[in-house]
């Protein structure tokens, strides 16, 4: 299977210049556990992994209304649901906001995801796994080509990760992938990362704040040195006038 995955990745990158996924979870997390998730997939894969629609005719039954209802039953706020086409195939896209990452697992919209984010000292630990639910319907031989992935845009500095496919990308992105065929066969993606409890934004603000405070302190020191020098020079001039001829 690793050779097959490598071959699929090579073909995908060679043909299009970047990876494309037939089924993908993409999370944007905040340090308080809230965030946004975007989920894109072929209708048949929504059926195979989420249990949405009729396995005999997923293209007709995996609808925007059905997807919206599925996510709303999971307690998230749906931002957008769209149907698009790529390479002549339909893809369902859902974007939704959630308040607690820990509350998503095993809800109606996420039967294939078991992920937690917990505090450990001064760090945050994300861990869990993605796997096809045992009770998910079979879609037969269709839609088994291509790649699938689970990706996280983490809110702070990443210290460690559990064998993310491409390591840490752009400073704070980690992701895991496998072939769709492996996912349909029950393959599990083990997910995990350890990060700072402070958000990148907060850290940036602190760095800039410290730099600004240091600059102000230096300017004040220079100003105070000039003032003291001026006072000394003025005092010396007065003494010279008093003792002059």
C-alpha atoms as a PDB file:
ATOM      1  CA  UNK A   1       0.000   0.000   0.000  1.00  0.00           C
ATOM      2  CA  UNK A   2       2.765   2.560   0.698  1.00  0.00           C
ATOM      3  CA  UNK A   3       4.049   2.038  -2.862  1.00  0.00           C
ATOM      4  CA  UNK A   4       0.559   2.510  -4.249  1.00  0.00           C
ATOM      5  CA  UNK A   5       0.085   5.706  -2.225  1.00  0.00           C
ATOM      6  CA  UNK A   6       3.451   7.017  -3.417  1.00  0.00           C
ATOM      7  CA  UNK A   7       2.493   6.258  -7.016  1.00  0.00           C
ATOM      8  CA  UNK A   8      -0.840   8.076  -6.695  1.00  0.00           C
ATOM      9  CA  UNK A   9       0.881  11.084  -5.096  1.00  0.00           C
ATOM     10  CA  UNK A  10       3.488  11.142  -7.863  1.00  0.00           C
ATOM     11  CA  UNK A  11       0.848  11.038 -10.592  1.00  0.00           C
ATOM     12  CA  UNK A  12      -1.251  13.718  -8.894  1.00  0.00           C
ATOM     13  CA  UNK A  13       1.657  16.102  -8.428  1.00  0.00           C
ATOM     14  CA  UNK A  14       3.054  15.455 -11.872  1.00  0.00           C
ATOM     15  CA  UNK A  15      -0.241  15.972 -13.675  1.00  0.00           C
ATOM     16  CA  UNK A  16      -1.507  19.066 -11.842  1.00  0.00           C
ATOM     17  CA  UNK A  17       1.425  20.544  -9.970  1.00  0.00           C
ATOM     18  CA  UNK A  18      -0.296  20.061  -6.600  1.00  0.00           C
ATOM     19  CA  UNK A  19      -2.307  17.447  -4.755  1.00  0.00           C
ATOM     20  CA  UNK A  20      -6.049  17.209  -5.187  1.00  0.00           C
ATOM     21  CA  UNK A  21      -8.300  15.124  -2.990  1.00  0.00           C
ATOM     22  CA  UNK A  22     -11.458  13.198  -3.698  1.00  0.00           C
ATOM     23  CA  UNK A  23     -12.459  13.462  -0.035  1.00  0.00           C
ATOM     24  CA  UNK A  24     -10.972  15.957   2.407  1.00  0.00           C
ATOM     25  CA  UNK A  25     -11.536  17.383   5.878  1.00  0.00           C
ATOM     26  CA  UNK A  26      -9.752  20.707   6.414  1.00  0.00           C
ATOM     27  CA  UNK A  27      -9.874  22.266   9.889  1.00  0.00           C
ATOM     28  CA  UNK A  28      -8.925  25.777  11.017  1.00  0.00           C
ATOM     29  CA  UNK A  29      -8.490  25.597  14.807  1.00  0.00           C
ATOM     30  CA  UNK A  30      -8.248  28.218  17.544  1.00  0.00           C
ATOM     31  CA  UNK A  31      -6.532  27.673  20.885  1.00  0.00           C
ATOM     32  CA  UNK A  32      -9.904  27.566  22.699  1.00  0.00           C
ATOM     33  CA  UNK A  33     -10.973  24.522  20.642  1.00  0.00           C
ATOM     34  CA  UNK A  34     -13.367  26.361  18.348  1.00  0.00           C
ATOM     35  CA  UNK A  35     -12.861  26.711  14.628  1.00  0.00           C
ATOM     36  CA  UNK A  36     -14.085  26.062  11.106  1.00  0.00           C
ATOM     37  CA  UNK A  37     -14.180  22.885   9.060  1.00  0.00           C
ATOM     38  CA  UNK A  38     -14.396  22.582   5.291  1.00  0.00           C
ATOM     39  CA  UNK A  39     -15.335  19.204   3.893  1.00  0.00           C
ATOM     40  CA  UNK A  40     -15.190  18.347   0.199  1.00  0.00           C
ATOM     41  CA  UNK A  41     -15.932  14.995  -1.420  1.00  0.00           C
ATOM     42  CA  UNK A  42     -17.464  13.035  -4.232  1.00  0.00           C
ATOM     43  CA  UNK A  43     -21.100  12.130  -3.407  1.00  0.00           C
ATOM     44  CA  UNK A  44     -20.345   8.401  -3.296  1.00  0.00           C
ATOM     45  CA  UNK A  45     -17.624   9.024  -0.699  1.00  0.00           C
ATOM     46  CA  UNK A  46     -20.004  11.075   1.424  1.00  0.00           C
ATOM     47  CA  UNK A  47     -22.207   7.995   1.357  1.00  0.00           C
ATOM     48  CA  UNK A  48     -19.363   5.579   2.107  1.00  0.00           C
ATOM     49  CA  UNK A  49     -17.875   7.624   4.957  1.00  0.00           C
ATOM     50  CA  UNK A  50     -20.770   9.716   6.309  1.00  0.00           C
ATOM     51  CA  UNK A  51     -23.731   7.492   5.498  1.00  0.00           C
ATOM     52  CA  UNK A  52     -25.355  10.327   3.553  1.00  0.00           C
ATOM     53  CA  UNK A  53     -27.626   9.467   0.640  1.00  0.00           C
ATOM     54  CA  UNK A  54     -28.501   6.210  -1.099  1.00  0.00           C
ATOM     55  CA  UNK A  55     -25.529   3.983  -2.042  1.00  0.00           C
ATOM     56  CA  UNK A  56     -27.418   2.898  -5.151  1.00  0.00           C
ATOM     57  CA  UNK A  57     -27.614   6.479  -6.436  1.00  0.00           C
ATOM     58  CA  UNK A  58     -25.379   8.821  -4.405  1.00  0.00           C
ATOM     59  CA  UNK A  59     -25.094  11.488  -7.098  1.00  0.00           C
ATOM     60  CA  UNK A  60     -28.844  12.122  -6.914  1.00  0.00           C
ATOM     61  CA  UNK A  61     -29.366  11.687  -3.170  1.00  0.00           C
ATOM     62  CA  UNK A  62     -26.326  13.431  -1.653  1.00  0.00           C
ATOM     63  CA  UNK A  63     -27.894  16.884  -1.871  1.00  0.00           C
ATOM     64  CA  UNK A  64     -27.148  20.281  -0.364  1.00  0.00           C
ATOM     65  CA  UNK A  65     -30.265  20.158   1.805  1.00  0.00           C
ATOM     66  CA  UNK A  66     -29.392  16.683   3.106  1.00  0.00           C
ATOM     67  CA  UNK A  67     -25.825  17.762   3.929  1.00  0.00           C
ATOM     68  CA  UNK A  68     -26.989  20.931   5.699  1.00  0.00           C
ATOM     69  CA  UNK A  69     -29.431  18.940   7.816  1.00  0.00           C
ATOM     70  CA  UNK A  70     -26.701  16.401   8.669  1.00  0.00           C
ATOM     71  CA  UNK A  71     -24.346  19.108   9.933  1.00  0.00           C
ATOM     72  CA  UNK A  72     -27.040  21.000  11.807  1.00  0.00           C
ATOM     73  CA  UNK A  73     -27.927  17.803  13.680  1.00  0.00           C
ATOM     74  CA  UNK A  74     -24.312  17.786  14.848  1.00  0.00           C
ATOM     75  CA  UNK A  75     -24.643  21.190  16.519  1.00  0.00           C
ATOM     76  CA  UNK A  76     -22.463  23.221  14.154  1.00  0.00           C
ATOM     77  CA  UNK A  77     -23.313  26.427  12.298  1.00  0.00           C
ATOM     78  CA  UNK A  78     -23.354  25.816   8.560  1.00  0.00           C
ATOM     79  CA  UNK A  79     -21.801  28.664   6.614  1.00  0.00           C
ATOM     80  CA  UNK A  80     -22.043  27.378   3.073  1.00  0.00           C
ATOM     81  CA  UNK A  81     -23.059  24.300   1.101  1.00  0.00           C
ATOM     82  CA  UNK A  82     -22.291  24.052  -2.593  1.00  0.00           C
ATOM     83  CA  UNK A  83     -22.170  21.502  -5.377  1.00  0.00           C
ATOM     84  CA  UNK A  84     -19.290  21.920  -7.812  1.00  0.00           C
ATOM     85  CA  UNK A  85     -17.739  19.915 -10.624  1.00  0.00           C
ATOM     86  CA  UNK A  86     -14.128  18.973 -11.221  1.00  0.00           C
ATOM     87  CA  UNK A  87     -12.900  16.838 -14.069  1.00  0.00           C
ATOM     88  CA  UNK A  88     -16.498  16.150 -15.031  1.00  0.00           C
ATOM     89  CA  UNK A  89     -17.375  14.780 -11.569  1.00  0.00           C
ATOM     90  CA  UNK A  90     -19.640  16.335  -8.921  1.00  0.00           C
ATOM     91  CA  UNK A  91     -18.249  17.348  -5.504  1.00  0.00           C
ATOM     92  CA  UNK A  92     -20.201  18.412  -2.444  1.00  0.00           C
ATOM     93  CA  UNK A  93     -18.596  21.152  -0.327  1.00  0.00           C
ATOM     94  CA  UNK A  94     -19.672  22.131   3.207  1.00  0.00           C
ATOM     95  CA  UNK A  95     -18.171  24.845   5.414  1.00  0.00           C
ATOM     96  CA  UNK A  96     -19.246  25.027   9.063  1.00  0.00           C
ATOM     97  CA  UNK A  97     -18.202  26.673  12.349  1.00  0.00           C
ATOM     98  CA  UNK A  98     -17.951  24.724  15.606  1.00  0.00           C
ATOM     99  CA  UNK A  99     -17.473  25.755  19.228  1.00  0.00           C
ATOM    100  CA  UNK A 100     -15.626  22.721  20.563  1.00  0.00           C
ATOM    101  CA  UNK A 101     -13.424  20.342  18.607  1.00  0.00           C
ATOM    102  CA  UNK A 102     -13.947  17.704  21.284  1.00  0.00           C
ATOM    103  CA  UNK A 103     -17.706  17.695  20.688  1.00  0.00           C
ATOM    104  CA  UNK A 104     -17.487  16.819  16.986  1.00  0.00           C
ATOM    105  CA  UNK A 105     -16.346  13.216  17.177  1.00  0.00           C
ATOM    106  CA  UNK A 106     -18.900  10.551  16.383  1.00  0.00           C
ATOM    107  CA  UNK A 107     -21.686  13.068  15.785  1.00  0.00           C
ATOM    108  CA  UNK A 108     -23.966  12.471  12.758  1.00  0.00           C
ATOM    109  CA  UNK A 109     -21.725  14.605  10.529  1.00  0.00           C
ATOM    110  CA  UNK A 110     -18.475  13.085  11.813  1.00  0.00           C
ATOM    111  CA  UNK A 111     -18.989   9.338  12.341  1.00  0.00           C
ATOM    112  CA  UNK A 112     -15.600   8.794  10.711  1.00  0.00           C
ATOM    113  CA  UNK A 113     -13.654  11.111  13.024  1.00  0.00           C
ATOM    114  CA  UNK A 114     -12.449  10.678  16.613  1.00  0.00           C
ATOM    115  CA  UNK A 115     -10.298  13.664  17.607  1.00  0.00           C
ATOM    116  CA  UNK A 116      -9.657  15.520  20.869  1.00  0.00           C
ATOM    117  CA  UNK A 117      -7.718  18.644  21.740  1.00  0.00           C
ATOM    118  CA  UNK A 118      -6.595  18.918  25.371  1.00  0.00           C
ATOM    119  CA  UNK A 119      -4.310  21.104  27.447  1.00  0.00           C
ATOM    120  CA  UNK A 120      -1.147  19.514  28.822  1.00  0.00           C
ATOM    121  CA  UNK A 121       0.836  21.983  30.924  1.00  0.00           C
ATOM    122  CA  UNK A 122       1.640  24.960  28.728  1.00  0.00           C
ATOM    123  CA  UNK A 123       0.896  23.056  25.532  1.00  0.00           C
ATOM    124  CA  UNK A 124      -2.111  21.835  23.562  1.00  0.00           C
ATOM    125  CA  UNK A 125      -2.271  18.241  22.370  1.00  0.00           C
ATOM    126  CA  UNK A 126      -4.337  17.197  19.359  1.00  0.00           C
ATOM    127  CA  UNK A 127      -4.779  13.474  18.922  1.00  0.00           C
ATOM    128  CA  UNK A 128      -7.145  10.964  17.401  1.00  0.00           C
ATOM    129  CA  UNK A 129      -7.866   9.128  14.176  1.00  0.00           C
ATOM    130  CA  UNK A 130      -9.968   9.062  11.052  1.00  0.00           C
ATOM    131  CA  UNK A 131     -11.466   5.765   9.903  1.00  0.00           C
ATOM    132  CA  UNK A 132     -14.474   4.575   7.965  1.00  0.00           C
ATOM    133  CA  UNK A 133     -17.385   3.665  10.275  1.00  0.00           C
ATOM    134  CA  UNK A 134     -18.050  -0.061  10.437  1.00  0.00           C
ATOM    135  CA  UNK A 135     -21.746   0.524   9.763  1.00  0.00           C
ATOM    136  CA  UNK A 136     -21.181   2.721   6.701  1.00  0.00           C
ATOM    137  CA  UNK A 137     -22.860   1.505   3.493  1.00  0.00           C
ATOM    138  CA  UNK A 138     -20.872  -0.119   0.702  1.00  0.00           C
ATOM    139  CA  UNK A 139     -20.692   1.807  -2.569  1.00  0.00           C
ATOM    140  CA  UNK A 140     -19.440  -1.127  -4.610  1.00  0.00           C
ATOM    141  CA  UNK A 141     -16.628  -0.725  -7.102  1.00  0.00           C
ATOM    142  CA  UNK A 142     -17.196   2.935  -7.959  1.00  0.00           C
ATOM    143  CA  UNK A 143     -15.167   6.020  -6.913  1.00  0.00           C
ATOM    144  CA  UNK A 144     -12.146   4.196  -5.522  1.00  0.00           C
ATOM    145  CA  UNK A 145      -9.431   6.191  -7.269  1.00  0.00           C
ATOM    146  CA  UNK A 146      -7.477   9.151  -5.957  1.00  0.00           C
ATOM    147  CA  UNK A 147      -6.449  10.468  -2.553  1.00  0.00           C
ATOM    148  CA  UNK A 148      -8.195  11.483   0.644  1.00  0.00           C
ATOM    149  CA  UNK A 149      -6.859  13.625   3.498  1.00  0.00           C
ATOM    150  CA  UNK A 150      -7.452  15.160   6.911  1.00  0.00           C
ATOM    151  CA  UNK A 151      -5.645  18.499   7.377  1.00  0.00           C
ATOM    152  CA  UNK A 152      -5.344  20.958  10.266  1.00  0.00           C
ATOM    153  CA  UNK A 153      -4.408  24.635  10.228  1.00  0.00           C
ATOM    154  CA  UNK A 154      -3.168  24.855  13.799  1.00  0.00           C
ATOM    155  CA  UNK A 155      -3.366  28.121  15.766  1.00  0.00           C
ATOM    156  CA  UNK A 156       0.123  28.128  17.276  1.00  0.00           C
ATOM    157  CA  UNK A 157       3.699  26.896  17.010  1.00  0.00           C
ATOM    158  CA  UNK A 158       3.911  23.132  16.367  1.00  0.00           C
ATOM    159  CA  UNK A 159       6.433  21.228  18.504  1.00  0.00           C
ATOM    160  CA  UNK A 160       5.702  17.647  17.459  1.00  0.00           C
ATOM    161  CA  UNK A 161       3.371  15.772  15.110  1.00  0.00           C
ATOM    162  CA  UNK A 162       2.441  12.160  14.491  1.00  0.00           C
ATOM    163  CA  UNK A 163       4.078  11.462  11.140  1.00  0.00           C
ATOM    164  CA  UNK A 164       2.216  14.119   9.179  1.00  0.00           C
ATOM    165  CA  UNK A 165       2.502  13.361   5.466  1.00  0.00           C
ATOM    166  CA  UNK A 166       4.496  16.491   4.603  1.00  0.00           C
ATOM    167  CA  UNK A 167       5.700  17.478   8.058  1.00  0.00           C
ATOM    168  CA  UNK A 168       4.764  20.989   9.171  1.00  0.00           C
ATOM    169  CA  UNK A 169       3.740  23.053   6.162  1.00  0.00           C
ATOM    170  CA  UNK A 170       3.936  26.864   6.129  1.00  0.00           C
ATOM    171  CA  UNK A 171       4.700  26.903   9.832  1.00  0.00           C
ATOM    172  CA  UNK A 172       1.441  25.551  11.225  1.00  0.00           C
ATOM    173  CA  UNK A 173      -0.296  23.118   8.829  1.00  0.00           C
ATOM    174  CA  UNK A 174      -0.222  19.346   9.349  1.00  0.00           C
ATOM    175  CA  UNK A 175      -2.050  16.733   7.325  1.00  0.00           C
ATOM    176  CA  UNK A 176      -2.425  13.015   6.794  1.00  0.00           C
ATOM    177  CA  UNK A 177      -3.492  11.229   3.633  1.00  0.00           C
ATOM    178  CA  UNK A 178      -4.029   7.840   2.071  1.00  0.00           C
ATOM    179  CA  UNK A 179      -5.614   6.465  -1.073  1.00  0.00           C
ATOM    180  CA  UNK A 180      -9.390   6.382  -1.259  1.00  0.00           C
ATOM    181  CA  UNK A 181      -9.150   2.625  -1.823  1.00  0.00           C
ATOM    182  CA  UNK A 182      -7.322   2.265   1.515  1.00  0.00           C
ATOM    183  CA  UNK A 183      -9.951   4.375   3.255  1.00  0.00           C
ATOM    184  CA  UNK A 184     -12.798   2.340   1.792  1.00  0.00           C
ATOM    185  CA  UNK A 185     -11.014  -0.844   2.914  1.00  0.00           C
ATOM    186  CA  UNK A 186     -10.970   0.398   6.509  1.00  0.00           C
ATOM    187  CA  UNK A 187      -7.545   2.039   6.582  1.00  0.00           C
ATOM    188  CA  UNK A 188      -7.052   4.318   9.581  1.00  0.00           C
ATOM    189  CA  UNK A 189      -5.289   7.682   9.625  1.00  0.00           C
ATOM    190  CA  UNK A 190      -3.675   8.308  13.028  1.00  0.00           C
ATOM    191  CA  UNK A 191      -3.668  12.042  13.755  1.00  0.00           C
ATOM    192  CA  UNK A 192      -1.698  13.972  16.337  1.00  0.00           C
ATOM    193  CA  UNK A 193       0.230  17.159  17.075  1.00  0.00           C
ATOM    194  CA  UNK A 194       1.575  19.089  20.039  1.00  0.00           C
ATOM    195  CA  UNK A 195       1.493  22.873  19.924  1.00  0.00           C
ATOM    196  CA  UNK A 196       1.930  26.015  21.998  1.00  0.00           C
ATOM    197  CA  UNK A 197      -1.041  27.149  24.091  1.00  0.00           C
ATOM    198  CA  UNK A 198      -0.603  30.692  22.765  1.00  0.00           C
ATOM    199  CA  UNK A 199      -1.964  31.531  19.347  1.00  0.00           C
ATOM    200  CA  UNK A 200       0.370  32.668  16.607  1.00  0.00           C
ATOM    201  CA  UNK A 201      -1.483  35.990  16.568  1.00  0.00           C
ATOM    202  CA  UNK A 202      -0.976  36.480  20.302  1.00  0.00           C
ATOM    203  CA  UNK A 203       2.683  35.516  20.048  1.00  0.00           C
ATOM    204  CA  UNK A 204       3.119  37.962  17.164  1.00  0.00           C
ATOM    205  CA  UNK A 205       1.394  40.726  19.127  1.00  0.00           C
ATOM    206  CA  UNK A 206       3.626  39.997  22.141  1.00  0.00           C
ATOM    207  CA  UNK A 207       6.764  40.097  19.989  1.00  0.00           C
ATOM    208  CA  UNK A 208       5.746  43.382  18.379  1.00  0.00           C
ATOM    209  CA  UNK A 209       4.612  44.755  21.731  1.00  0.00           C
ATOM    210  CA  UNK A 210       7.937  43.858  23.313  1.00  0.00           C
ATOM    211  CA  UNK A 211       9.838  45.396  20.397  1.00  0.00           C
ATOM    212  CA  UNK A 212       7.796  48.595  20.574  1.00  0.00           C
ATOM    213  CA  UNK A 213       8.227  48.793  24.358  1.00  0.00           C
ATOM    214  CA  UNK A 214      11.982  48.284  23.969  1.00  0.00           C
ATOM    215  CA  UNK A 215      12.144  50.988  21.281  1.00  0.00           C
ATOM    216  CA  UNK A 216      10.206  53.408  23.483  1.00  0.00           C
ATOM    217  CA  UNK A 217      12.504  52.613  26.419  1.00  0.00           C
ATOM    218  CA  UNK A 218      15.583  53.284  24.278  1.00  0.00           C
ATOM    219  CA  UNK A 219      14.149  56.573  22.996  1.00  0.00           C
ATOM    220  CA  UNK A 220      13.221  57.611  26.521  1.00  0.00           C
ATOM    221  CA  UNK A 221      16.740  56.725  27.737  1.00  0.00           C
ATOM    222  CA  UNK A 222      18.267  58.825  24.950  1.00  0.00           C
ATOM    223  CA  UNK A 223      15.880  61.707  25.695  1.00  0.00           C
ATOM    224  CA  UNK A 224      16.609  61.516  29.415  1.00  0.00           C
ATOM    225  CA  UNK A 225      20.387  61.417  28.746  1.00  0.00           C
ATOM    226  CA  UNK A 226      20.077  64.522  26.550  1.00  0.00           C
ATOM    227  CA  UNK A 227      18.007  66.307  29.201  1.00  0.00           C
ATOM    228  CA  UNK A 228      20.523  65.451  31.929  1.00  0.00           C
ATOM    229  CA  UNK A 229      23.407  66.549  29.705  1.00  0.00           C
ATOM    230  CA  UNK A 230      21.614  69.791  29.004  1.00  0.00           C
ATOM    231  CA  UNK A 231      21.014  70.412  32.695  1.00  0.00           C
ATOM    232  CA  UNK A 232      24.653  69.750  33.497  1.00  0.00           C
ATOM    233  CA  UNK A 233      25.796  72.078  30.725  1.00  0.00           C
ATOM    234  CA  UNK A 234      23.383  74.786  31.924  1.00  0.00           C
ATOM    235  CA  UNK A 235      24.558  74.412  35.517  1.00  0.00           C
ATOM    236  CA  UNK A 236      28.175  74.619  34.394  1.00  0.00           C
ATOM    237  CA  UNK A 237      27.460  77.764  32.390  1.00  0.00           C
ATOM    238  CA  UNK A 238      25.841  79.404  35.420  1.00  0.00           C
ATOM    239  CA  UNK A 239      28.822  78.565  37.584  1.00  0.00           C
ATOM    240  CA  UNK A 240      31.177  80.055  34.997  1.00  0.00           C
ATOM    241  CA  UNK A 241      29.193  83.318  34.926  1.00  0.00           C
ATOM    242  CA  UNK A 242      29.281  83.568  38.734  1.00  0.00           C
ATOM    243  CA  UNK A 243      33.016  82.954  38.918  1.00  0.00           C
ATOM    244  CA  UNK A 244      33.913  84.919  35.806  1.00  0.00           C
ATOM    245  CA  UNK A 245      35.977  88.198  35.703  1.00  0.00           C
END
